[in-house]
Amino acid sequence: MRAIISTQGKQFTVTEGDILFVDRYVGSNTGDIIEIKDVLLVGEGDSASIGAPLVTGASVRAKILENKRAKKVMIFKKKRRKGYQRKRGHRQELSVIKIEAITA
């Protein structure tokens, strides 16, 4: 079964067993189970249920495999001939989740 979910402000197409990298769930630990209720579409082909905007009664259960940080992104600003240079870095907080079950 396939579903389109909305979590952390982004949309994902998922099936059971998929592993996703999403923005960190605040207050979550490794091994926690998360219930995602923002399901936009569930099913495949002619048996698909499309929500307006959400499918009522549908949910996706996911398990947090790991909380980690992404690779560092470097931000470098420069204005030529002015002596202006700024170098900053940023690491995004991520949660690695595995889709365990899709219920419609």
N, C-alpha and C. Protein backbone atom coordinates (compact mmCIF):
# COMPACT_ATOMS: atom_id res chain seq x y z
N MET A 1 0.85 -1.18 0.00
CA MET A 1 0.00 0.00 0.00
C MET A 1 0.89 1.24 0.00
N ARG A 2 0.42 2.27 -0.65
CA ARG A 2 1.18 3.50 -0.82
C ARG A 2 0.39 4.64 -0.21
N ALA A 3 1.11 5.65 0.32
CA ALA A 3 0.45 6.81 0.91
C ALA A 3 1.29 8.05 0.68
N ILE A 4 0.61 9.17 0.63
CA ILE A 4 1.30 10.46 0.59
C ILE A 4 1.01 11.13 1.93
N ILE A 5 2.08 11.44 2.67
CA ILE A 5 1.92 12.02 4.00
C ILE A 5 2.53 13.42 4.03
N SER A 6 2.10 14.18 5.00
CA SER A 6 2.67 15.50 5.23
C SER A 6 3.19 15.53 6.66
N THR A 7 4.49 15.74 6.80
CA THR A 7 5.11 15.81 8.13
C THR A 7 6.24 16.81 8.10
N GLN A 8 6.35 17.57 9.15
CA GLN A 8 7.40 18.58 9.30
C GLN A 8 7.38 19.59 8.16
N GLY A 9 6.20 19.87 7.60
CA GLY A 9 6.08 20.86 6.55
C GLY A 9 6.46 20.37 5.16
N LYS A 10 6.70 19.06 5.01
CA LYS A 10 7.07 18.50 3.71
C LYS A 10 6.17 17.31 3.41
N GLN A 11 6.05 16.99 2.12
CA GLN A 11 5.22 15.86 1.71
C GLN A 11 6.12 14.74 1.20
N PHE A 12 5.75 13.50 1.54
CA PHE A 12 6.52 12.32 1.14
C PHE A 12 5.56 11.26 0.62
N THR A 13 5.99 10.53 -0.41
CA THR A 13 5.29 9.34 -0.87
C THR A 13 5.96 8.15 -0.23
N VAL A 14 5.21 7.35 0.53
CA VAL A 14 5.82 6.27 1.31
C VAL A 14 5.10 4.95 1.09
N THR A 15 5.84 3.87 1.31
CA THR A 15 5.29 2.53 1.39
C THR A 15 5.84 1.91 2.67
N GLU A 16 5.30 0.77 3.06
CA GLU A 16 5.78 0.12 4.28
C GLU A 16 7.22 -0.31 4.09
N GLY A 17 8.05 -0.02 5.09
CA GLY A 17 9.47 -0.38 5.05
C GLY A 17 10.38 0.73 4.57
N ASP A 18 9.82 1.85 4.09
CA ASP A 18 10.65 2.97 3.63
C ASP A 18 11.36 3.64 4.80
N ILE A 19 12.54 4.16 4.52
CA ILE A 19 13.32 4.91 5.51
C ILE A 19 13.43 6.34 5.01
N LEU A 20 13.06 7.31 5.88
CA LEU A 20 13.05 8.72 5.51
C LEU A 20 13.94 9.53 6.43
N PHE A 21 14.50 10.60 5.89
CA PHE A 21 15.24 11.58 6.67
C PHE A 21 14.36 12.83 6.74
N VAL A 22 13.85 13.15 7.93
CA VAL A 22 12.98 14.31 8.11
C VAL A 22 13.57 15.21 9.19
N ASP A 23 13.04 16.44 9.29
CA ASP A 23 13.48 17.33 10.35
C ASP A 23 13.18 16.69 11.70
N ARG A 24 14.01 16.99 12.68
CA ARG A 24 13.90 16.32 13.98
C ARG A 24 12.56 16.56 14.65
N TYR A 25 12.00 15.47 15.19
CA TYR A 25 10.80 15.55 16.02
C TYR A 25 11.25 15.99 17.41
N VAL A 26 10.72 17.10 17.88
CA VAL A 26 11.12 17.66 19.16
C VAL A 26 10.68 16.74 20.29
N GLY A 27 11.58 16.45 21.19
CA GLY A 27 11.26 15.62 22.35
C GLY A 27 11.18 14.14 22.07
N SER A 28 11.69 13.70 20.94
CA SER A 28 11.63 12.28 20.60
C SER A 28 12.97 11.61 20.86
N ASN A 29 12.92 10.32 21.10
CA ASN A 29 14.12 9.52 21.35
C ASN A 29 14.15 8.36 20.37
N THR A 30 15.32 7.73 20.27
CA THR A 30 15.47 6.57 19.41
C THR A 30 14.55 5.46 19.90
N GLY A 31 13.82 4.85 18.98
CA GLY A 31 12.91 3.76 19.32
C GLY A 31 11.47 4.19 19.55
N ASP A 32 11.20 5.49 19.60
CA ASP A 32 9.83 5.96 19.80
C ASP A 32 8.98 5.66 18.56
N ILE A 33 7.70 5.46 18.78
CA ILE A 33 6.74 5.24 17.70
C ILE A 33 5.97 6.55 17.48
N ILE A 34 5.86 6.95 16.21
CA ILE A 34 5.17 8.19 15.86
C ILE A 34 3.96 7.85 15.00
N GLU A 35 2.85 8.46 15.30
CA GLU A 35 1.63 8.29 14.52
C GLU A 35 1.44 9.55 13.68
N ILE A 36 1.47 9.42 12.36
CA ILE A 36 1.31 10.55 11.45
C ILE A 36 -0.12 10.51 10.91
N LYS A 37 -0.90 11.54 11.26
CA LYS A 37 -2.31 11.57 10.89
C LYS A 37 -2.57 12.43 9.64
N ASP A 38 -1.57 13.17 9.19
CA ASP A 38 -1.74 14.02 8.00
C ASP A 38 -1.49 13.18 6.75
N VAL A 39 -2.49 12.41 6.34
CA VAL A 39 -2.41 11.54 5.17
C VAL A 39 -3.24 12.18 4.06
N LEU A 40 -2.59 12.49 2.93
CA LEU A 40 -3.26 13.16 1.82
C LEU A 40 -3.85 12.18 0.81
N LEU A 41 -3.23 11.00 0.67
CA LEU A 41 -3.71 9.98 -0.26
C LEU A 41 -3.31 8.63 0.27
N VAL A 42 -4.18 7.64 0.10
CA VAL A 42 -3.87 6.29 0.55
C VAL A 42 -4.37 5.31 -0.50
N GLY A 43 -3.58 4.28 -0.78
CA GLY A 43 -3.97 3.26 -1.75
C GLY A 43 -3.25 3.44 -3.07
N GLU A 44 -3.58 2.53 -4.02
CA GLU A 44 -2.97 2.58 -5.34
C GLU A 44 -4.01 2.34 -6.41
N GLY A 45 -3.81 2.92 -7.56
CA GLY A 45 -4.70 2.68 -8.70
C GLY A 45 -6.12 3.16 -8.47
N ASP A 46 -7.08 2.31 -8.82
CA ASP A 46 -8.50 2.67 -8.70
C ASP A 46 -8.98 2.68 -7.26
N SER A 47 -8.28 1.99 -6.38
CA SER A 47 -8.72 1.91 -4.98
C SER A 47 -8.11 3.01 -4.11
N ALA A 48 -7.53 4.03 -4.72
CA ALA A 48 -6.90 5.12 -3.95
C ALA A 48 -7.96 6.04 -3.37
N SER A 49 -7.75 6.46 -2.13
CA SER A 49 -8.62 7.42 -1.47
C SER A 49 -7.88 8.75 -1.39
N ILE A 50 -8.48 9.76 -1.97
CA ILE A 50 -7.87 11.09 -1.99
C ILE A 50 -8.58 11.96 -0.98
N GLY A 51 -7.81 12.62 -0.13
CA GLY A 51 -8.39 13.46 0.90
C GLY A 51 -8.70 14.85 0.40
N ALA A 52 -9.55 15.54 1.15
CA ALA A 52 -9.88 16.92 0.81
C ALA A 52 -9.86 17.77 2.06
N PRO A 53 -8.77 18.16 2.65
CA PRO A 53 -7.39 17.90 2.24
C PRO A 53 -6.81 16.61 2.82
N LEU A 54 -7.42 16.05 3.89
CA LEU A 54 -6.87 14.84 4.52
C LEU A 54 -7.85 13.68 4.40
N VAL A 55 -7.31 12.45 4.38
CA VAL A 55 -8.14 11.25 4.37
C VAL A 55 -8.56 10.97 5.81
N THR A 56 -9.87 10.91 6.05
CA THR A 56 -10.35 10.69 7.41
C THR A 56 -10.11 9.23 7.82
N GLY A 57 -9.62 9.06 9.03
CA GLY A 57 -9.39 7.72 9.57
C GLY A 57 -8.08 7.07 9.13
N ALA A 58 -7.33 7.70 8.27
CA ALA A 58 -6.07 7.12 7.80
C ALA A 58 -4.92 7.61 8.66
N SER A 59 -3.94 6.74 8.87
CA SER A 59 -2.75 7.13 9.62
C SER A 59 -1.58 6.27 9.19
N VAL A 60 -0.40 6.76 9.48
CA VAL A 60 0.84 6.04 9.17
C VAL A 60 1.65 5.95 10.46
N ARG A 61 2.08 4.74 10.80
CA ARG A 61 2.89 4.52 12.00
C ARG A 61 4.34 4.39 11.59
N ALA A 62 5.21 5.16 12.27
CA ALA A 62 6.63 5.14 11.95
C ALA A 62 7.44 5.01 13.24
N LYS A 63 8.63 4.44 13.13
CA LYS A 63 9.53 4.27 14.27
C LYS A 63 10.77 5.11 14.03
N ILE A 64 11.22 5.81 15.07
CA ILE A 64 12.43 6.61 14.96
C ILE A 64 13.63 5.69 15.13
N LEU A 65 14.43 5.60 14.07
CA LEU A 65 15.63 4.77 14.12
C LEU A 65 16.80 5.51 14.74
N GLU A 66 16.88 6.82 14.49
CA GLU A 66 18.05 7.57 14.94
C GLU A 66 17.74 9.06 14.87
N ASN A 67 18.29 9.82 15.82
CA ASN A 67 18.30 11.27 15.76
C ASN A 67 19.74 11.68 15.52
N LYS A 68 19.98 12.46 14.46
CA LYS A 68 21.35 12.82 14.13
C LYS A 68 21.39 14.20 13.50
N ARG A 69 22.57 14.59 13.07
CA ARG A 69 22.75 15.88 12.42
C ARG A 69 23.28 15.65 11.01
N ALA A 70 22.82 16.47 10.09
CA ALA A 70 23.23 16.34 8.69
C ALA A 70 24.65 16.87 8.51
N LYS A 71 25.18 16.73 7.30
CA LYS A 71 26.49 17.28 6.99
C LYS A 71 26.47 18.80 7.09
N LYS A 72 27.61 19.39 7.39
CA LYS A 72 27.68 20.82 7.55
C LYS A 72 27.55 21.53 6.21
N VAL A 73 26.75 22.57 6.22
CA VAL A 73 26.58 23.43 5.05
C VAL A 73 27.33 24.72 5.33
N MET A 74 28.24 25.10 4.44
CA MET A 74 29.01 26.31 4.64
C MET A 74 28.35 27.48 3.92
N ILE A 75 28.24 28.61 4.62
CA ILE A 75 27.70 29.83 4.05
C ILE A 75 28.84 30.83 3.99
N PHE A 76 29.17 31.28 2.80
CA PHE A 76 30.28 32.22 2.62
C PHE A 76 29.78 33.44 1.87
N LYS A 77 29.95 34.60 2.49
CA LYS A 77 29.53 35.86 1.87
C LYS A 77 30.77 36.70 1.60
N LYS A 78 30.79 37.36 0.46
CA LYS A 78 31.94 38.19 0.12
C LYS A 78 31.49 39.31 -0.80
N LYS A 79 32.05 40.49 -0.56
CA LYS A 79 31.86 41.63 -1.47
C LYS A 79 33.24 42.00 -1.99
N ARG A 80 33.40 41.90 -3.28
CA ARG A 80 34.72 42.13 -3.84
C ARG A 80 35.18 43.57 -3.67
N ARG A 81 36.45 43.71 -3.48
CA ARG A 81 37.15 44.99 -3.32
C ARG A 81 36.71 45.80 -2.11
N LYS A 82 35.99 45.21 -1.17
CA LYS A 82 35.53 45.92 0.02
C LYS A 82 36.14 45.36 1.30
N GLY A 83 36.79 44.21 1.21
CA GLY A 83 37.36 43.60 2.40
C GLY A 83 36.32 42.93 3.28
N TYR A 84 35.18 42.61 2.72
CA TYR A 84 34.08 42.01 3.48
C TYR A 84 34.01 40.52 3.19
N GLN A 85 34.20 39.71 4.23
CA GLN A 85 34.05 38.26 4.13
C GLN A 85 33.43 37.74 5.41
N ARG A 86 32.46 36.86 5.27
CA ARG A 86 31.85 36.20 6.42
C ARG A 86 31.71 34.72 6.10
N LYS A 87 32.10 33.88 7.05
CA LYS A 87 32.01 32.44 6.86
C LYS A 87 31.24 31.85 8.04
N ARG A 88 30.16 31.17 7.75
CA ARG A 88 29.34 30.54 8.77
C ARG A 88 29.07 29.11 8.36
N GLY A 89 28.69 28.29 9.33
CA GLY A 89 28.32 26.91 9.05
C GLY A 89 27.02 26.56 9.76
N HIS A 90 26.36 25.52 9.26
CA HIS A 90 25.08 25.11 9.83
C HIS A 90 24.90 23.61 9.65
N ARG A 91 24.45 22.94 10.70
CA ARG A 91 24.12 21.51 10.62
C ARG A 91 22.67 21.33 11.01
N GLN A 92 21.88 20.74 10.11
CA GLN A 92 20.46 20.55 10.34
C GLN A 92 20.24 19.32 11.23
N GLU A 93 19.32 19.44 12.18
CA GLU A 93 18.95 18.33 13.05
C GLU A 93 17.97 17.43 12.30
N LEU A 94 18.23 16.12 12.25
CA LEU A 94 17.41 15.18 11.49
C LEU A 94 16.94 14.02 12.35
N SER A 95 15.82 13.44 11.96
CA SER A 95 15.35 12.17 12.51
C SER A 95 15.27 11.19 11.36
N VAL A 96 15.79 9.99 11.57
CA VAL A 96 15.69 8.92 10.57
C VAL A 96 14.53 8.05 11.03
N ILE A 97 13.48 7.95 10.17
CA ILE A 97 12.31 7.18 10.55
C ILE A 97 12.07 6.05 9.55
N LYS A 98 11.47 4.99 10.05
CA LYS A 98 11.10 3.84 9.20
C LYS A 98 9.59 3.66 9.26
N ILE A 99 8.96 3.61 8.09
CA ILE A 99 7.51 3.44 8.01
C ILE A 99 7.17 1.98 8.32
N GLU A 100 6.39 1.76 9.36
CA GLU A 100 6.04 0.42 9.78
C GLU A 100 4.68 -0.04 9.29
N ALA A 101 3.68 0.83 9.32
CA ALA A 101 2.34 0.42 8.93
C ALA A 101 1.56 1.60 8.36
N ILE A 102 0.73 1.29 7.36
CA ILE A 102 -0.17 2.28 6.77
C ILE A 102 -1.59 1.74 6.96
N THR A 103 -2.42 2.52 7.67
CA THR A 103 -3.80 2.09 7.90
C THR A 103 -4.75 3.06 7.23
N ALA A 104 -5.79 2.52 6.62
CA ALA A 104 -6.76 3.38 5.92
C ALA A 104 -8.12 3.32 6.57
